[in-house]
Amino acid sequence: MRHGLSHAELHEALCRSIAECANDMFPNASRSTPQLSILTGIPRSTAARIQETMDTSAAEELSNLTLLGRLIVGWQRDFVGPYGIPLELPMEPGEYSFPDLVRRIAGRASPSRVLDELKRVGVVEITPSGRVRLTNRPYITGRLRPEGIERMSWVMRDLAETLDFNLDPTREGPPRFERRMYAQEPLSGYLLEGFRELVKEEGQTFLSRLDNWLSEQLKEIRKRRRLSGKDYVTEPDAPDARRVGVGIYWFEKRDLP
């Protein structure tokens, strides 16, 4: 309610999320409207409407993403290299270029103007070779806008899937890393501000170190492939192929015990 979302919007998003889960878990059984309705308990009329737009995510159903949010989402989803790392895009027109990204997401919008706006909010930078790179800085708005809903859904899904995996007694392999720390007593004043700044700085440094390590490993793999005369290719269908990542978040509560 605080962010202006109505019961109808949340209910529709929940129905779509349940339908997407059913489609992932039972793809053959959820292809027809009656089967999807039986699996999920969603009324047939709602199930039929959801099936028509199954490619639209639950977060997108809440509200259309703004241009910048949609560009970043499209870049991180469709213009990625090995292990899901966003590609550095050339400015020259062509497939998998920055103008191609803008064309796919924003239609006839000017690539140069879009680039200027992305640079203004600090989410892209130009490499020495003239390519456009998506920076590590998250695009977070001051209040919950549509792209914020999309980002929130990713964060909540990643955390929920980790917790669900760790709680599953039939899981394959060891539990996934998940740790928290709490201050032993309430913080205030300069101590609260100092700890908040420490977490922000050290958290970003840690994530950047992980990203740099992975980038170096991938560069080394490509180098060895190039020296051997083989092109570097990903193996998304390999049995052990996984999309992985690490998330860090700050939390605080006003209500004291």
Foldseek 3Di string as FASTA:
>chain_A
DVQPQDPVLVVLLVLLVLLLVCCVVPVVQSLDLVSSCVVRVDDSVSSVVCNVVNVQHSLCSSDNDDQVLQLVVCQQPPQADPLSAGDFAACDDDPSHQVVSCCVRPNPDDSVVSVVVCVVQPQWDADPVGTIHGDPDDRDDPDDDSSNSVVVVVVVVVVVVLVVQQPDPPHDDHRDDDDDDDDPDDDDDPVVVVVVVVCVVVVVVVQVVVVVVVVVVVVVVQVVCVVVVHGDDDDCPDPPDDNDDDDDDDDDDDDDD
